[in-house]
Every structure is written in C-alpha cells, then in structure tokens.
C-alpha cells in the first residue's frame, strides 16, 4: 500500500479504497449466480470508466 493511502487512512478512519468497496460488494452476494452478476457489473464499470478516460484525455 502506498504511503499516501496509509496517511489518508490514518487521518480519516472511515476511508475505504475502491478495492475494499468492491470486495464488500462481492461478499454480499447470495449465490454463485449473484456473485457472477456482480463481477460482471464491476468489470463493466471499470471498462466504462477507462473508456471515458481515454476519450476524455485524447479527444479535444
């Protein structure tokens, strides 16, 4: 973990990283089908965010 993240966690006890939030979201699944659906949602969100980042920084 980076020093910056450790510092933020020390200053803000309730701070959760995206990884921690994703793990909590996945752990709430009720069965294998629900887990797979949640994994697809997270994968789709990551792809959408990266797609807008690329276009947002490269397109005028």
PDB file of N, CA and C in Angstrom:
ATOM      1  N   UNK A   1       0.845  -1.161   0.000  1.00  0.00           N
ATOM      2  CA  UNK A   1       0.000   0.000   0.000  1.00  0.00           C
ATOM      3  C   UNK A   1       0.902   1.239   0.000  1.00  0.00           C
ATOM      4  N   UNK A   2       0.485   2.214  -0.717  1.00  0.00           N
ATOM      5  CA  UNK A   2       1.302   3.416  -0.826  1.00  0.00           C
ATOM      6  C   UNK A   2       1.273   4.224   0.474  1.00  0.00           C
ATOM      7  N   UNK A   3       2.282   5.021   0.661  1.00  0.00           N
ATOM      8  CA  UNK A   3       2.378   5.859   1.858  1.00  0.00           C
ATOM      9  C   UNK A   3       1.225   6.863   1.920  1.00  0.00           C
ATOM     10  N   UNK A   4       0.834   7.393   0.754  1.00  0.00           N
ATOM     11  CA  UNK A   4      -0.266   8.351   0.716  1.00  0.00           C
ATOM     12  C   UNK A   4      -1.568   7.712   1.200  1.00  0.00           C
ATOM     13  N   UNK A   5      -1.838   6.511   0.745  1.00  0.00           N
ATOM     14  CA  UNK A   5      -3.049   5.814   1.164  1.00  0.00           C
ATOM     15  C   UNK A   5      -3.021   5.539   2.666  1.00  0.00           C
ATOM     16  N   UNK A   6      -1.874   5.137   3.170  1.00  0.00           N
ATOM     17  CA  UNK A   6      -1.747   4.895   4.606  1.00  0.00           C
ATOM     18  C   UNK A   6      -1.990   6.178   5.396  1.00  0.00           C
ATOM     19  N   UNK A   7      -1.470   7.293   4.896  1.00  0.00           N
ATOM     20  CA  UNK A   7      -1.661   8.573   5.568  1.00  0.00           C
ATOM     21  C   UNK A   7      -3.136   8.970   5.574  1.00  0.00           C
ATOM     22  N   UNK A   8      -3.799   8.808   4.445  1.00  0.00           N
ATOM     23  CA  UNK A   8      -5.226   9.145   4.360  1.00  0.00           C
ATOM     24  C   UNK A   8      -6.033   8.267   5.306  1.00  0.00           C
ATOM     25  N   UNK A   9      -5.722   6.976   5.341  1.00  0.00           N
ATOM     26  CA  UNK A   9      -6.440   6.081   6.259  1.00  0.00           C
ATOM     27  C   UNK A   9      -6.214   6.469   7.711  1.00  0.00           C
ATOM     28  N   UNK A  10      -5.014   6.940   8.019  1.00  0.00           N
ATOM     29  CA  UNK A  10      -4.723   7.357   9.390  1.00  0.00           C
ATOM     30  C   UNK A  10      -5.506   8.618   9.752  1.00  0.00           C
ATOM     31  N   UNK A  11      -5.649   9.524   8.794  1.00  0.00           N
ATOM     32  CA  UNK A  11      -6.357  10.777   9.049  1.00  0.00           C
ATOM     33  C   UNK A  11      -7.868  10.610   9.037  1.00  0.00           C
ATOM     34  N   UNK A  12      -8.346   9.736   8.169  1.00  0.00           N
ATOM     35  CA  UNK A  12      -9.783   9.513   8.023  1.00  0.00           C
ATOM     36  C   UNK A  12     -10.050   8.030   8.281  1.00  0.00           C
ATOM     37  N   UNK A  13     -10.431   7.666   9.495  1.00  0.00           N
ATOM     38  CA  UNK A  13     -10.603   6.250   9.829  1.00  0.00           C
ATOM     39  C   UNK A  13     -11.645   5.532   8.963  1.00  0.00           C
ATOM     40  N   UNK A  14     -12.644   6.243   8.470  1.00  0.00           N
ATOM     41  CA  UNK A  14     -13.689   5.618   7.667  1.00  0.00           C
ATOM     42  C   UNK A  14     -13.343   5.479   6.196  1.00  0.00           C
ATOM     43  N   UNK A  15     -12.133   5.873   5.798  1.00  0.00           N
ATOM     44  CA  UNK A  15     -11.724   5.828   4.399  1.00  0.00           C
ATOM     45  C   UNK A  15     -11.622   4.381   3.929  1.00  0.00           C
ATOM     46  N   UNK A  16     -12.254   4.090   2.789  1.00  0.00           N
ATOM     47  CA  UNK A  16     -12.166   2.762   2.196  1.00  0.00           C
ATOM     48  C   UNK A  16     -11.698   2.908   0.761  1.00  0.00           C
ATOM     49  N   UNK A  17     -10.781   2.067   0.366  1.00  0.00           N
ATOM     50  CA  UNK A  17     -10.295   2.102  -1.008  1.00  0.00           C
ATOM     51  C   UNK A  17     -11.339   1.475  -1.933  1.00  0.00           C
ATOM     52  N   UNK A  18     -11.173   1.688  -3.216  1.00  0.00           N
ATOM     53  CA  UNK A  18     -12.095   1.101  -4.196  1.00  0.00           C
ATOM     54  C   UNK A  18     -12.048  -0.422  -4.104  1.00  0.00           C
ATOM     55  N   UNK A  19     -10.871  -0.960  -3.875  1.00  0.00           N
ATOM     56  CA  UNK A  19     -10.719  -2.406  -3.743  1.00  0.00           C
ATOM     57  C   UNK A  19     -11.534  -2.921  -2.550  1.00  0.00           C
ATOM     58  N   UNK A  20     -11.456  -2.227  -1.419  1.00  0.00           N
ATOM     59  CA  UNK A  20     -12.217  -2.624  -0.240  1.00  0.00           C
ATOM     60  C   UNK A  20     -13.718  -2.564  -0.510  1.00  0.00           C
ATOM     61  N   UNK A  21     -14.159  -1.516  -1.193  1.00  0.00           N
ATOM     62  CA  UNK A  21     -15.589  -1.395  -1.508  1.00  0.00           C
ATOM     63  C   UNK A  21     -16.035  -2.490  -2.472  1.00  0.00           C
ATOM     64  N   UNK A  22     -15.194  -2.815  -3.452  1.00  0.00           N
ATOM     65  CA  UNK A  22     -15.533  -3.887  -4.387  1.00  0.00           C
ATOM     66  C   UNK A  22     -15.620  -5.231  -3.671  1.00  0.00           C
ATOM     67  N   UNK A  23     -14.670  -5.495  -2.771  1.00  0.00           N
ATOM     68  CA  UNK A  23     -14.690  -6.740  -2.013  1.00  0.00           C
ATOM     69  C   UNK A  23     -15.956  -6.842  -1.162  1.00  0.00           C
ATOM     70  N   UNK A  24     -16.353  -5.748  -0.525  1.00  0.00           N
ATOM     71  CA  UNK A  24     -17.567  -5.748   0.286  1.00  0.00           C
ATOM     72  C   UNK A  24     -18.795  -5.997  -0.589  1.00  0.00           C
ATOM     73  N   UNK A  25     -18.832  -5.364  -1.768  1.00  0.00           N
ATOM     74  CA  UNK A  25     -19.947  -5.552  -2.702  1.00  0.00           C
ATOM     75  C   UNK A  25     -20.046  -7.010  -3.133  1.00  0.00           C
ATOM     76  N   UNK A  26     -18.910  -7.618  -3.457  1.00  0.00           N
ATOM     77  CA  UNK A  26     -18.911  -9.016  -3.891  1.00  0.00           C
ATOM     78  C   UNK A  26     -19.272  -9.958  -2.744  1.00  0.00           C
ATOM     79  N   UNK A  27     -18.852  -9.640  -1.547  1.00  0.00           N
ATOM     80  CA  UNK A  27     -19.126 -10.529  -0.415  1.00  0.00           C
ATOM     81  C   UNK A  27     -20.600 -10.537  -0.023  1.00  0.00           C
ATOM     82  N   UNK A  28     -21.362  -9.574  -0.491  1.00  0.00           N
ATOM     83  CA  UNK A  28     -22.794  -9.525  -0.186  1.00  0.00           C
ATOM     84  C   UNK A  28     -23.608 -10.432  -1.106  1.00  0.00           C
ATOM     85  N   UNK A  29     -22.968 -11.096  -2.056  1.00  0.00           N
ATOM     86  CA  UNK A  29     -23.706 -11.945  -2.993  1.00  0.00           C
ATOM     87  C   UNK A  29     -24.337 -13.129  -2.252  1.00  0.00           C
ATOM     88  N   UNK A  30     -25.471 -13.548  -2.762  1.00  0.00           N
ATOM     89  CA  UNK A  30     -26.223 -14.606  -2.091  1.00  0.00           C
ATOM     90  C   UNK A  30     -25.938 -15.988  -2.652  1.00  0.00           C
ATOM     91  N   UNK A  31     -25.534 -16.066  -3.900  1.00  0.00           N
ATOM     92  CA  UNK A  31     -25.188 -17.351  -4.505  1.00  0.00           C
ATOM     93  C   UNK A  31     -24.203 -17.118  -5.643  1.00  0.00           C
ATOM     94  N   UNK A  32     -23.832 -18.185  -6.321  1.00  0.00           N
ATOM     95  CA  UNK A  32     -22.823 -18.092  -7.374  1.00  0.00           C
ATOM     96  C   UNK A  32     -23.314 -17.221  -8.528  1.00  0.00           C
ATOM     97  N   UNK A  33     -24.571 -17.340  -8.882  1.00  0.00           N
ATOM     98  CA  UNK A  33     -25.121 -16.534  -9.973  1.00  0.00           C
ATOM     99  C   UNK A  33     -25.069 -15.048  -9.635  1.00  0.00           C
ATOM    100  N   UNK A  34     -25.420 -14.722  -8.405  1.00  0.00           N
ATOM    101  CA  UNK A  34     -25.373 -13.330  -7.963  1.00  0.00           C
ATOM    102  C   UNK A  34     -23.930 -12.826  -7.941  1.00  0.00           C
ATOM    103  N   UNK A  35     -23.005 -13.669  -7.500  1.00  0.00           N
ATOM    104  CA  UNK A  35     -21.592 -13.292  -7.490  1.00  0.00           C
ATOM    105  C   UNK A  35     -21.096 -12.999  -8.906  1.00  0.00           C
ATOM    106  N   UNK A  36     -21.435 -13.858  -9.848  1.00  0.00           N
ATOM    107  CA  UNK A  36     -21.012 -13.651 -11.240  1.00  0.00           C
ATOM    108  C   UNK A  36     -21.616 -12.377 -11.814  1.00  0.00           C
ATOM    109  N   UNK A  37     -22.872 -12.105 -11.493  1.00  0.00           N
ATOM    110  CA  UNK A  37     -23.529 -10.881 -11.963  1.00  0.00           C
ATOM    111  C   UNK A  37     -22.820  -9.660 -11.411  1.00  0.00           C
ATOM    112  N   UNK A  38     -22.493  -9.692 -10.137  1.00  0.00           N
ATOM    113  CA  UNK A  38     -21.794  -8.571  -9.515  1.00  0.00           C
ATOM    114  C   UNK A  38     -20.393  -8.387 -10.112  1.00  0.00           C
ATOM    115  N   UNK A  39     -19.723  -9.489 -10.406  1.00  0.00           N
ATOM    116  CA  UNK A  39     -18.396  -9.400 -11.025  1.00  0.00           C
ATOM    117  C   UNK A  39     -18.491  -8.757 -12.409  1.00  0.00           C
ATOM    118  N   UNK A  40     -19.521  -9.134 -13.175  1.00  0.00           N
ATOM    119  CA  UNK A  40     -19.719  -8.520 -14.491  1.00  0.00           C
ATOM    120  C   UNK A  40     -20.010  -7.033 -14.368  1.00  0.00           C
ATOM    121  N   UNK A  41     -20.807  -6.653 -13.362  1.00  0.00           N
ATOM    122  CA  UNK A  41     -21.092  -5.234 -13.133  1.00  0.00           C
ATOM    123  C   UNK A  41     -19.813  -4.453 -12.849  1.00  0.00           C
ATOM    124  N   UNK A  42     -18.969  -4.996 -11.989  1.00  0.00           N
ATOM    125  CA  UNK A  42     -17.717  -4.315 -11.657  1.00  0.00           C
ATOM    126  C   UNK A  42     -16.795  -4.241 -12.876  1.00  0.00           C
ATOM    127  N   UNK A  43     -16.729  -5.324 -13.645  1.00  0.00           N
ATOM    128  CA  UNK A  43     -15.895  -5.317 -14.851  1.00  0.00           C
ATOM    129  C   UNK A  43     -16.426  -4.309 -15.864  1.00  0.00           C
ATOM    130  N   UNK A  44     -17.733  -4.243 -16.025  1.00  0.00           N
ATOM    131  CA  UNK A  44     -18.325  -3.296 -16.963  1.00  0.00           C
ATOM    132  C   UNK A  44     -18.100  -1.860 -16.533  1.00  0.00           C
ATOM    133  N   UNK A  45     -18.208  -1.607 -15.230  1.00  0.00           N
ATOM    134  CA  UNK A  45     -17.956  -0.256 -14.718  1.00  0.00           C
ATOM    135  C   UNK A  45     -16.513   0.158 -14.953  1.00  0.00           C
ATOM    136  N   UNK A  46     -15.579  -0.765 -14.735  1.00  0.00           N
ATOM    137  CA  UNK A  46     -14.163  -0.454 -14.932  1.00  0.00           C
ATOM    138  C   UNK A  46     -13.885  -0.158 -16.406  1.00  0.00           C
ATOM    139  N   UNK A  47     -14.503  -0.917 -17.292  1.00  0.00           N
ATOM    140  CA  UNK A  47     -14.308  -0.683 -18.722  1.00  0.00           C
ATOM    141  C   UNK A  47     -14.905   0.655 -19.125  1.00  0.00           C
ATOM    142  N   UNK A  48     -16.084   0.984 -18.606  1.00  0.00           N
ATOM    143  CA  UNK A  48     -16.717   2.267 -18.929  1.00  0.00           C
ATOM    144  C   UNK A  48     -15.871   3.436 -18.449  1.00  0.00           C
ATOM    145  N   UNK A  49     -15.342   3.335 -17.229  1.00  0.00           N
ATOM    146  CA  UNK A  49     -14.513   4.418 -16.689  1.00  0.00           C
ATOM    147  C   UNK A  49     -13.236   4.573 -17.509  1.00  0.00           C
ATOM    148  N   UNK A  50     -12.614   3.464 -17.891  1.00  0.00           N
ATOM    149  CA  UNK A  50     -11.374   3.571 -18.655  1.00  0.00           C
ATOM    150  C   UNK A  50     -11.644   4.091 -20.065  1.00  0.00           C
ATOM    151  N   UNK A  51     -12.777   3.746 -20.635  1.00  0.00           N
ATOM    152  CA  UNK A  51     -13.114   4.212 -21.974  1.00  0.00           C
ATOM    153  C   UNK A  51     -13.320   5.726 -21.978  1.00  0.00           C
ATOM    154  N   UNK A  52     -14.002   6.257 -20.984  1.00  0.00           N
ATOM    155  CA  UNK A  52     -14.225   7.697 -20.935  1.00  0.00           C
ATOM    156  C   UNK A  52     -12.943   8.437 -20.609  1.00  0.00           C
ATOM    157  N   UNK A  53     -12.070   7.820 -19.834  1.00  0.00           N
ATOM    158  CA  UNK A  53     -10.798   8.450 -19.513  1.00  0.00           C
ATOM    159  C   UNK A  53      -9.951   8.611 -20.772  1.00  0.00           C
ATOM    160  N   UNK A  54      -9.887   7.573 -21.584  1.00  0.00           N
ATOM    161  CA  UNK A  54      -9.091   7.622 -22.803  1.00  0.00           C
ATOM    162  C   UNK A  54      -9.655   8.675 -23.748  1.00  0.00           C
ATOM    163  N   UNK A  55     -10.954   8.633 -23.979  1.00  0.00           N
ATOM    164  CA  UNK A  55     -11.542   9.601 -24.889  1.00  0.00           C
ATOM    165  C   UNK A  55     -11.522  11.014 -24.298  1.00  0.00           C
ATOM    166  N   UNK A  56     -11.702  11.095 -22.984  1.00  0.00           N
ATOM    167  CA  UNK A  56     -11.714  12.397 -22.346  1.00  0.00           C
ATOM    168  C   UNK A  56     -10.363  13.089 -22.384  1.00  0.00           C
ATOM    169  N   UNK A  57      -9.280  12.307 -22.396  1.00  0.00           N
ATOM    170  CA  UNK A  57      -7.952  12.926 -22.390  1.00  0.00           C
ATOM    171  C   UNK A  57      -7.379  13.071 -23.781  1.00  0.00           C
ATOM    172  N   UNK A  58      -7.857  12.282 -24.727  1.00  0.00           N
ATOM    173  CA  UNK A  58      -7.253  12.300 -26.057  1.00  0.00           C
ATOM    174  C   UNK A  58      -8.060  13.115 -27.072  1.00  0.00           C
ATOM    175  N   UNK A  59      -9.339  13.266 -26.797  1.00  0.00           N
ATOM    176  CA  UNK A  59     -10.178  13.998 -27.740  1.00  0.00           C
ATOM    177  C   UNK A  59     -10.248  15.461 -27.304  1.00  0.00           C
ATOM    178  N   UNK A  60     -10.235  16.400 -28.235  1.00  0.00           N
ATOM    179  CA  UNK A  60     -10.312  17.810 -27.847  1.00  0.00           C
ATOM    180  C   UNK A  60     -11.668  18.212 -27.315  1.00  0.00           C
TER     181      UNK A  60
END
